[in-house]
C-alpha cells in the first residue's frame, strides 16, 4: 500500500500557510511522497485568487480590515475564519501536466463521504438539478462575485443550497497541489456565508472532520497515512518562500 504523509491541524499566518503549501509542492515534485495537510489561520485572513485585484477586497467591507495574502491558485477570495483548510499534494508520475479533474473529484467525493458520517448531506453543484440551482444562484450577480463561496463550479460542494467547499489546483513538473476550504460556520467577516454547522443541527469539530477526511482519503487513493511534522529542510524552504513571495507587498498587491 502506498504510504503518504499526514500533517495534522495547526494554525499558521497568512504568508506562512501559503509558503508551506508551496514548499510541500516542491517536496513532492522532488520525492514523490503524497502529502495531506490540514490547517487553520492564526487570525481572520482573506486569501485572494491569483488573478484578483487587491483593491477589490476593500469593496467587501466586513473583511476589508482582515489580513490578506495572494494565493498561487486562481478563483475567488476566501475569508479564512470559521473553516478548515486542507492541501493535498499528489505526484504525477507518467501523467501529463495540467489541472487534474479526477483528483479534484476524488477529493470532493471524500469530503462528501466525511460529512455524511456526521449526518450532513452534501452534493456536487452539478448534481443539484434545476430547482436547486435556482435556489443556490438566487441573489448572485451575473458577473463573478468577489468571494469564492458566492461563485459556483460543477465540482463545488453544497449543503442546503449553500456552497460549503471549493478547491483550486496548481501543477508543477511532477506534482499537483490541490488546496481548498471547508466552511464550517458563519463569520462576522463574511456574514452572508453560512457554513456546515450553521446549516445543519450537527456540531463537528475541526479535529473530528480532519480525522474522518483522512480516513476517506486513504480509502479513495489506496494510501496509508503516517503522521509527519515539517522537518528542517521544509521549514527553511517555507521561510525562504515566505520572504521572497507571499510575505512581499509586491506579490500580494501585484494586481
C-alpha atoms as a PDB file:
ATOM      1  CA  UNK A   1       0.000   0.000   0.000  1.00  0.00           C
ATOM      2  CA  UNK A   2       1.230   3.476  -0.894  1.00  0.00           C
ATOM      3  CA  UNK A   3       2.490   5.401   2.139  1.00  0.00           C
ATOM      4  CA  UNK A   4       1.675   9.112   2.438  1.00  0.00           C
ATOM      5  CA  UNK A   5       2.452  11.922   4.877  1.00  0.00           C
ATOM      6  CA  UNK A   6      -0.201  13.454   7.127  1.00  0.00           C
ATOM      7  CA  UNK A   7       0.280  16.890   8.682  1.00  0.00           C
ATOM      8  CA  UNK A   8      -2.353  17.361  11.373  1.00  0.00           C
ATOM      9  CA  UNK A   9      -4.355  20.532  12.035  1.00  0.00           C
ATOM     10  CA  UNK A  10      -2.244  23.530  13.067  1.00  0.00           C
ATOM     11  CA  UNK A  11      -2.719  27.294  12.817  1.00  0.00           C
ATOM     12  CA  UNK A  12      -0.443  29.461  10.689  1.00  0.00           C
ATOM     13  CA  UNK A  13      -0.156  33.017   9.455  1.00  0.00           C
ATOM     14  CA  UNK A  14      -1.299  34.159   6.019  1.00  0.00           C
ATOM     15  CA  UNK A  15       2.046  34.125   4.214  1.00  0.00           C
ATOM     16  CA  UNK A  16       3.240  31.161   6.284  1.00  0.00           C
ATOM     17  CA  UNK A  17       0.354  28.912   5.231  1.00  0.00           C
ATOM     18  CA  UNK A  18       0.807  29.631   1.536  1.00  0.00           C
ATOM     19  CA  UNK A  19       4.588  29.204   1.775  1.00  0.00           C
ATOM     20  CA  UNK A  20       4.248  25.795   3.441  1.00  0.00           C
ATOM     21  CA  UNK A  21       1.897  24.615   0.691  1.00  0.00           C
ATOM     22  CA  UNK A  22       4.413  25.731  -1.937  1.00  0.00           C
ATOM     23  CA  UNK A  23       7.294  24.036  -0.085  1.00  0.00           C
ATOM     24  CA  UNK A  24       5.279  20.812   0.062  1.00  0.00           C
ATOM     25  CA  UNK A  25       4.552  21.018  -3.673  1.00  0.00           C
ATOM     26  CA  UNK A  26       8.278  21.300  -4.353  1.00  0.00           C
ATOM     27  CA  UNK A  27       8.977  18.418  -1.967  1.00  0.00           C
ATOM     28  CA  UNK A  28       6.509  16.053  -3.643  1.00  0.00           C
ATOM     29  CA  UNK A  29       7.746  17.169  -7.066  1.00  0.00           C
ATOM     30  CA  UNK A  30      11.193  16.002  -5.960  1.00  0.00           C
ATOM     31  CA  UNK A  31      10.463  12.959  -3.767  1.00  0.00           C
ATOM     32  CA  UNK A  32       7.034  11.739  -4.992  1.00  0.00           C
ATOM     33  CA  UNK A  33       5.611  11.221  -1.483  1.00  0.00           C
ATOM     34  CA  UNK A  34       1.893  12.199  -1.363  1.00  0.00           C
ATOM     35  CA  UNK A  35       1.173  14.677   1.427  1.00  0.00           C
ATOM     36  CA  UNK A  36      -2.099  15.688   3.090  1.00  0.00           C
ATOM     37  CA  UNK A  37      -2.096  18.765   5.307  1.00  0.00           C
ATOM     38  CA  UNK A  38      -4.833  20.365   7.418  1.00  0.00           C
ATOM     39  CA  UNK A  39      -4.562  23.874   8.770  1.00  0.00           C
ATOM     40  CA  UNK A  40      -6.312  26.914  10.155  1.00  0.00           C
ATOM     41  CA  UNK A  41      -5.310  30.579  10.224  1.00  0.00           C
ATOM     42  CA  UNK A  42      -3.848  32.417  13.214  1.00  0.00           C
ATOM     43  CA  UNK A  43      -6.113  35.405  12.521  1.00  0.00           C
ATOM     44  CA  UNK A  44      -9.069  36.054  10.191  1.00  0.00           C
ATOM     45  CA  UNK A  45      -7.492  36.254   6.743  1.00  0.00           C
ATOM     46  CA  UNK A  46      -8.582  36.915   3.174  1.00  0.00           C
ATOM     47  CA  UNK A  47      -6.752  34.889   0.546  1.00  0.00           C
ATOM     48  CA  UNK A  48      -7.101  36.429  -2.896  1.00  0.00           C
ATOM     49  CA  UNK A  49      -7.194  34.325  -6.025  1.00  0.00           C
ATOM     50  CA  UNK A  50      -4.048  34.762  -8.112  1.00  0.00           C
ATOM     51  CA  UNK A  51      -5.771  36.890 -10.755  1.00  0.00           C
ATOM     52  CA  UNK A  52      -7.877  39.097  -8.456  1.00  0.00           C
ATOM     53  CA  UNK A  53      -7.191  42.792  -7.915  1.00  0.00           C
ATOM     54  CA  UNK A  54      -6.004  43.632  -4.413  1.00  0.00           C
ATOM     55  CA  UNK A  55      -8.088  46.804  -4.277  1.00  0.00           C
ATOM     56  CA  UNK A  56     -11.288  44.832  -4.863  1.00  0.00           C
ATOM     57  CA  UNK A  57     -11.118  43.424  -1.337  1.00  0.00           C
ATOM     58  CA  UNK A  58     -11.850  46.898   0.035  1.00  0.00           C
ATOM     59  CA  UNK A  59     -15.320  46.742  -1.537  1.00  0.00           C
ATOM     60  CA  UNK A  60     -16.222  43.853   0.788  1.00  0.00           C
ATOM     61  CA  UNK A  61     -16.437  45.882   3.979  1.00  0.00           C
ATOM     62  CA  UNK A  62     -16.827  43.022   6.541  1.00  0.00           C
ATOM     63  CA  UNK A  63     -13.417  41.598   5.577  1.00  0.00           C
ATOM     64  CA  UNK A  64     -11.652  44.788   4.440  1.00  0.00           C
ATOM     65  CA  UNK A  65      -9.573  45.057   7.619  1.00  0.00           C
ATOM     66  CA  UNK A  66      -8.534  41.401   7.700  1.00  0.00           C
ATOM     67  CA  UNK A  67      -5.014  40.255   6.971  1.00  0.00           C
ATOM     68  CA  UNK A  68      -4.663  39.172   3.358  1.00  0.00           C
ATOM     69  CA  UNK A  69      -2.412  37.145   1.083  1.00  0.00           C
ATOM     70  CA  UNK A  70      -2.472  36.327  -2.630  1.00  0.00           C
ATOM     71  CA  UNK A  71      -2.678  32.618  -3.390  1.00  0.00           C
ATOM     72  CA  UNK A  72      -0.722  30.959  -6.183  1.00  0.00           C
ATOM     73  CA  UNK A  73      -4.023  29.373  -7.315  1.00  0.00           C
ATOM     74  CA  UNK A  74      -6.942  31.029  -9.044  1.00  0.00           C
ATOM     75  CA  UNK A  75     -10.563  31.562  -8.067  1.00  0.00           C
ATOM     76  CA  UNK A  76     -12.323  33.997  -5.791  1.00  0.00           C
ATOM     77  CA  UNK A  77     -11.355  35.433  -2.416  1.00  0.00           C
ATOM     78  CA  UNK A  78     -11.801  33.245   0.664  1.00  0.00           C
ATOM     79  CA  UNK A  79     -12.359  34.563   4.170  1.00  0.00           C
ATOM     80  CA  UNK A  80     -10.474  32.094   6.346  1.00  0.00           C
ATOM     81  CA  UNK A  81     -12.026  32.180   9.775  1.00  0.00           C
ATOM     82  CA  UNK A  82     -14.537  29.543  10.852  1.00  0.00           C
ATOM     83  CA  UNK A  83     -13.348  26.950   8.361  1.00  0.00           C
ATOM     84  CA  UNK A  84     -10.916  24.085   7.802  1.00  0.00           C
ATOM     85  CA  UNK A  85      -8.329  24.384   5.058  1.00  0.00           C
ATOM     86  CA  UNK A  86      -6.752  21.310   3.508  1.00  0.00           C
ATOM     87  CA  UNK A  87      -3.987  20.810   0.989  1.00  0.00           C
ATOM     88  CA  UNK A  88      -3.130  17.606  -0.823  1.00  0.00           C
ATOM     89  CA  UNK A  89      -0.047  17.169  -2.998  1.00  0.00           C
ATOM     90  CA  UNK A  90      -0.061  14.226  -5.379  1.00  0.00           C
ATOM     91  CA  UNK A  91       2.808  13.040  -7.632  1.00  0.00           C
ATOM     92  CA  UNK A  92       2.109  12.969 -11.344  1.00  0.00           C
ATOM     93  CA  UNK A  93       4.316  10.073 -12.343  1.00  0.00           C
ATOM     94  CA  UNK A  94       3.828   9.325 -16.041  1.00  0.00           C
ATOM     95  CA  UNK A  95       0.817  11.658 -16.217  1.00  0.00           C
ATOM     96  CA  UNK A  96       0.731  14.777 -18.426  1.00  0.00           C
ATOM     97  CA  UNK A  97       0.934  18.094 -16.567  1.00  0.00           C
ATOM     98  CA  UNK A  98      -2.141  20.235 -16.043  1.00  0.00           C
ATOM     99  CA  UNK A  99      -5.122  20.557 -13.718  1.00  0.00           C
ATOM    100  CA  UNK A 100      -6.384  17.096 -12.784  1.00  0.00           C
ATOM    101  CA  UNK A 101     -10.168  16.827 -12.763  1.00  0.00           C
ATOM    102  CA  UNK A 102     -10.045  13.236 -11.472  1.00  0.00           C
ATOM    103  CA  UNK A 103      -8.054  14.345  -8.421  1.00  0.00           C
ATOM    104  CA  UNK A 104     -10.497  17.190  -7.829  1.00  0.00           C
ATOM    105  CA  UNK A 105     -13.481  14.876  -7.990  1.00  0.00           C
ATOM    106  CA  UNK A 106     -11.986  12.151  -5.799  1.00  0.00           C
ATOM    107  CA  UNK A 107     -11.094  14.582  -3.033  1.00  0.00           C
ATOM    108  CA  UNK A 108     -14.513  16.239  -3.094  1.00  0.00           C
ATOM    109  CA  UNK A 109     -16.241  12.849  -3.019  1.00  0.00           C
ATOM    110  CA  UNK A 110     -14.128  12.012   0.049  1.00  0.00           C
ATOM    111  CA  UNK A 111     -15.319  15.266   1.656  1.00  0.00           C
ATOM    112  CA  UNK A 112     -18.943  14.363   0.850  1.00  0.00           C
ATOM    113  CA  UNK A 113     -18.399  10.962   2.445  1.00  0.00           C
ATOM    114  CA  UNK A 114     -16.751  12.504   5.521  1.00  0.00           C
ATOM    115  CA  UNK A 115     -19.571  14.974   6.079  1.00  0.00           C
ATOM    116  CA  UNK A 116     -22.059  12.149   5.571  1.00  0.00           C
ATOM    117  CA  UNK A 117     -20.524  10.287   8.507  1.00  0.00           C
ATOM    118  CA  UNK A 118     -21.774  13.169  10.662  1.00  0.00           C
ATOM    119  CA  UNK A 119     -25.239  13.090   9.101  1.00  0.00           C
ATOM    120  CA  UNK A 120     -24.565  16.070   6.805  1.00  0.00           C
ATOM    121  CA  UNK A 121     -25.849  15.713   3.237  1.00  0.00           C
ATOM    122  CA  UNK A 122     -23.518  17.474   0.790  1.00  0.00           C
ATOM    123  CA  UNK A 123     -23.734  17.351  -3.010  1.00  0.00           C
ATOM    124  CA  UNK A 124     -21.768  18.416  -6.042  1.00  0.00           C
ATOM    125  CA  UNK A 125     -23.251  21.587  -7.509  1.00  0.00           C
ATOM    126  CA  UNK A 126     -23.557  19.804 -10.865  1.00  0.00           C
ATOM    127  CA  UNK A 127     -25.807  17.160  -9.280  1.00  0.00           C
ATOM    128  CA  UNK A 128     -28.338  19.514  -7.716  1.00  0.00           C
ATOM    129  CA  UNK A 129     -30.851  19.754 -10.561  1.00  0.00           C
ATOM    130  CA  UNK A 130     -32.671  22.767 -11.962  1.00  0.00           C
ATOM    131  CA  UNK A 131     -34.714  23.674  -8.871  1.00  0.00           C
ATOM    132  CA  UNK A 132     -31.718  23.565  -6.515  1.00  0.00           C
ATOM    133  CA  UNK A 133     -29.588  25.505  -8.967  1.00  0.00           C
ATOM    134  CA  UNK A 134     -32.144  28.301  -8.948  1.00  0.00           C
ATOM    135  CA  UNK A 135     -32.071  28.372  -5.134  1.00  0.00           C
ATOM    136  CA  UNK A 136     -28.288  28.495  -4.954  1.00  0.00           C
ATOM    137  CA  UNK A 137     -27.932  31.120  -7.644  1.00  0.00           C
ATOM    138  CA  UNK A 138     -30.600  33.479  -6.351  1.00  0.00           C
ATOM    139  CA  UNK A 139     -29.323  36.911  -5.406  1.00  0.00           C
ATOM    140  CA  UNK A 140     -25.987  36.489  -7.219  1.00  0.00           C
ATOM    141  CA  UNK A 141     -24.732  38.970  -9.763  1.00  0.00           C
ATOM    142  CA  UNK A 142     -24.202  37.900 -13.332  1.00  0.00           C
ATOM    143  CA  UNK A 143     -20.512  38.815 -13.159  1.00  0.00           C
ATOM    144  CA  UNK A 144     -18.283  36.763 -10.877  1.00  0.00           C
ATOM    145  CA  UNK A 145     -18.631  37.731  -7.212  1.00  0.00           C
ATOM    146  CA  UNK A 146     -15.541  38.703  -5.224  1.00  0.00           C
ATOM    147  CA  UNK A 147     -15.949  35.863  -2.702  1.00  0.00           C
ATOM    148  CA  UNK A 148     -15.220  32.298  -3.740  1.00  0.00           C
ATOM    149  CA  UNK A 149     -18.186  30.978  -1.759  1.00  0.00           C
ATOM    150  CA  UNK A 150     -20.566  33.093  -3.833  1.00  0.00           C
ATOM    151  CA  UNK A 151     -19.256  31.543  -7.062  1.00  0.00           C
ATOM    152  CA  UNK A 152     -20.252  28.129  -8.425  1.00  0.00           C
ATOM    153  CA  UNK A 153     -18.492  25.449 -10.465  1.00  0.00           C
ATOM    154  CA  UNK A 154     -19.745  21.933 -11.142  1.00  0.00           C
ATOM    155  CA  UNK A 155     -17.462  20.357  -8.517  1.00  0.00           C
ATOM    156  CA  UNK A 156     -18.224  22.793  -5.688  1.00  0.00           C
ATOM    157  CA  UNK A 157     -19.935  21.173  -2.701  1.00  0.00           C
ATOM    158  CA  UNK A 158     -23.285  22.447  -1.492  1.00  0.00           C
ATOM    159  CA  UNK A 159     -25.282  21.875   1.701  1.00  0.00           C
ATOM    160  CA  UNK A 160     -28.902  23.073   1.959  1.00  0.00           C
ATOM    161  CA  UNK A 161     -28.449  25.263  -1.121  1.00  0.00           C
ATOM    162  CA  UNK A 162     -25.232  26.970   0.015  1.00  0.00           C
ATOM    163  CA  UNK A 163     -21.677  26.337  -1.120  1.00  0.00           C
ATOM    164  CA  UNK A 164     -19.559  24.951   1.726  1.00  0.00           C
ATOM    165  CA  UNK A 165     -16.448  23.725  -0.091  1.00  0.00           C
ATOM    166  CA  UNK A 166     -14.378  24.878  -3.029  1.00  0.00           C
ATOM    167  CA  UNK A 167     -10.859  23.979  -4.158  1.00  0.00           C
ATOM    168  CA  UNK A 168      -8.163  25.039  -6.606  1.00  0.00           C
ATOM    169  CA  UNK A 169      -5.070  23.451  -8.112  1.00  0.00           C
ATOM    170  CA  UNK A 170      -1.530  24.337  -9.070  1.00  0.00           C
ATOM    171  CA  UNK A 171       0.675  21.969 -11.048  1.00  0.00           C
ATOM    172  CA  UNK A 172       4.458  21.680 -11.027  1.00  0.00           C
ATOM    173  CA  UNK A 173       6.563  19.489 -13.294  1.00  0.00           C
ATOM    174  CA  UNK A 174       5.931  16.243 -11.395  1.00  0.00           C
ATOM    175  CA  UNK A 175       3.211  17.011  -8.837  1.00  0.00           C
ATOM    176  CA  UNK A 176      -0.092  18.789  -8.363  1.00  0.00           C
ATOM    177  CA  UNK A 177      -1.203  20.750  -5.313  1.00  0.00           C
ATOM    178  CA  UNK A 178      -4.900  20.956  -4.543  1.00  0.00           C
ATOM    179  CA  UNK A 179      -5.972  23.083  -1.616  1.00  0.00           C
ATOM    180  CA  UNK A 180      -9.418  24.110  -0.540  1.00  0.00           C
ATOM    181  CA  UNK A 181     -11.621  25.417   2.222  1.00  0.00           C
ATOM    182  CA  UNK A 182     -14.470  23.700   4.062  1.00  0.00           C
ATOM    183  CA  UNK A 183     -16.690  26.396   5.533  1.00  0.00           C
ATOM    184  CA  UNK A 184     -17.858  25.328   8.984  1.00  0.00           C
ATOM    185  CA  UNK A 185     -19.678  28.331  10.463  1.00  0.00           C
ATOM    186  CA  UNK A 186     -20.673  31.901   9.717  1.00  0.00           C
ATOM    187  CA  UNK A 187     -18.025  34.564  10.343  1.00  0.00           C
ATOM    188  CA  UNK A 188     -18.527  38.246  11.219  1.00  0.00           C
ATOM    189  CA  UNK A 189     -16.063  38.900   8.396  1.00  0.00           C
ATOM    190  CA  UNK A 190     -18.333  37.173   5.865  1.00  0.00           C
ATOM    191  CA  UNK A 191     -21.805  37.231   7.458  1.00  0.00           C
ATOM    192  CA  UNK A 192     -23.514  36.394   4.165  1.00  0.00           C
ATOM    193  CA  UNK A 193     -21.945  32.909   4.126  1.00  0.00           C
ATOM    194  CA  UNK A 194     -23.315  30.174   6.403  1.00  0.00           C
ATOM    195  CA  UNK A 195     -21.248  27.042   6.996  1.00  0.00           C
ATOM    196  CA  UNK A 196     -21.896  23.374   7.687  1.00  0.00           C
ATOM    197  CA  UNK A 197     -22.827  23.776  11.350  1.00  0.00           C
ATOM    198  CA  UNK A 198     -24.925  26.872  10.534  1.00  0.00           C
ATOM    199  CA  UNK A 199     -26.970  24.882   8.024  1.00  0.00           C
ATOM    200  CA  UNK A 200     -27.455  21.634   9.943  1.00  0.00           C
ATOM    201  CA  UNK A 201     -28.077  20.606  13.566  1.00  0.00           C
ATOM    202  CA  UNK A 202     -24.679  18.885  13.636  1.00  0.00           C
ATOM    203  CA  UNK A 203     -21.787  20.015  15.805  1.00  0.00           C
ATOM    204  CA  UNK A 204     -18.492  18.966  14.242  1.00  0.00           C
ATOM    205  CA  UNK A 205     -15.044  19.924  15.472  1.00  0.00           C
ATOM    206  CA  UNK A 206     -12.215  20.590  13.024  1.00  0.00           C
ATOM    207  CA  UNK A 207     -10.257  17.700  14.506  1.00  0.00           C
ATOM    208  CA  UNK A 208     -13.181  15.305  14.059  1.00  0.00           C
ATOM    209  CA  UNK A 209     -13.679  16.360  10.456  1.00  0.00           C
ATOM    210  CA  UNK A 210      -9.977  16.145   9.600  1.00  0.00           C
ATOM    211  CA  UNK A 211      -9.828  12.629  11.104  1.00  0.00           C
ATOM    212  CA  UNK A 212     -12.788  11.421   9.054  1.00  0.00           C
ATOM    213  CA  UNK A 213     -11.470  13.065   5.900  1.00  0.00           C
ATOM    214  CA  UNK A 214      -8.075  11.439   6.371  1.00  0.00           C
ATOM    215  CA  UNK A 215      -9.809   8.053   6.553  1.00  0.00           C
ATOM    216  CA  UNK A 216     -11.922   8.762   3.464  1.00  0.00           C
ATOM    217  CA  UNK A 217      -8.871   9.975   1.522  1.00  0.00           C
ATOM    218  CA  UNK A 218      -6.941   6.850   2.465  1.00  0.00           C
ATOM    219  CA  UNK A 219      -9.759   4.729   1.026  1.00  0.00           C
ATOM    220  CA  UNK A 220     -10.161   6.869  -2.095  1.00  0.00           C
ATOM    221  CA  UNK A 221      -6.464   6.765  -3.013  1.00  0.00           C
ATOM    222  CA  UNK A 222      -5.450   3.393  -1.560  1.00  0.00           C
ATOM    223  CA  UNK A 223      -2.957   5.015   0.811  1.00  0.00           C
ATOM    224  CA  UNK A 224      -1.790   4.634   4.378  1.00  0.00           C
ATOM    225  CA  UNK A 225      -1.192   7.961   6.097  1.00  0.00           C
ATOM    226  CA  UNK A 226       1.684   8.369   8.524  1.00  0.00           C
ATOM    227  CA  UNK A 227       1.815  11.414  10.795  1.00  0.00           C
ATOM    228  CA  UNK A 228       4.507  13.825   9.723  1.00  0.00           C
ATOM    229  CA  UNK A 229       5.977  17.009  11.198  1.00  0.00           C
ATOM    230  CA  UNK A 230       7.700  19.542   8.980  1.00  0.00           C
ATOM    231  CA  UNK A 231      11.434  18.858   9.037  1.00  0.00           C
ATOM    232  CA  UNK A 232      14.256  21.399   8.985  1.00  0.00           C
ATOM    233  CA  UNK A 233      14.547  21.354   5.211  1.00  0.00           C
ATOM    234  CA  UNK A 234      10.845  22.070   4.653  1.00  0.00           C
ATOM    235  CA  UNK A 235      10.740  24.728   7.356  1.00  0.00           C
ATOM    236  CA  UNK A 236      13.782  26.513   5.924  1.00  0.00           C
ATOM    237  CA  UNK A 237      12.387  26.345   2.393  1.00  0.00           C
ATOM    238  CA  UNK A 238       8.987  27.674   3.510  1.00  0.00           C
ATOM    239  CA  UNK A 239      10.718  30.596   5.251  1.00  0.00           C
ATOM    240  CA  UNK A 240      12.564  31.381   2.016  1.00  0.00           C
ATOM    241  CA  UNK A 241       9.327  31.273   0.010  1.00  0.00           C
ATOM    242  CA  UNK A 242       7.540  33.428   2.560  1.00  0.00           C
ATOM    243  CA  UNK A 243      10.312  36.046   2.484  1.00  0.00           C
ATOM    244  CA  UNK A 244      10.559  36.148  -1.295  1.00  0.00           C
ATOM    245  CA  UNK A 245       6.923  35.771  -2.313  1.00  0.00           C
ATOM    246  CA  UNK A 246       3.894  35.504  -0.022  1.00  0.00           C
ATOM    247  CA  UNK A 247       5.224  37.920   2.569  1.00  0.00           C
ATOM    248  CA  UNK A 248       6.070  40.576  -0.022  1.00  0.00           C
ATOM    249  CA  UNK A 249       3.862  43.590  -0.802  1.00  0.00           C
ATOM    250  CA  UNK A 250       4.912  43.290  -4.463  1.00  0.00           C
ATOM    251  CA  UNK A 251       3.386  39.798  -4.617  1.00  0.00           C
ATOM    252  CA  UNK A 252       0.226  40.485  -2.648  1.00  0.00           C
ATOM    253  CA  UNK A 253      -0.573  43.759  -4.434  1.00  0.00           C
ATOM    254  CA  UNK A 254       0.767  42.786  -7.847  1.00  0.00           C
ATOM    255  CA  UNK A 255      -2.676  43.423  -9.382  1.00  0.00           C
END
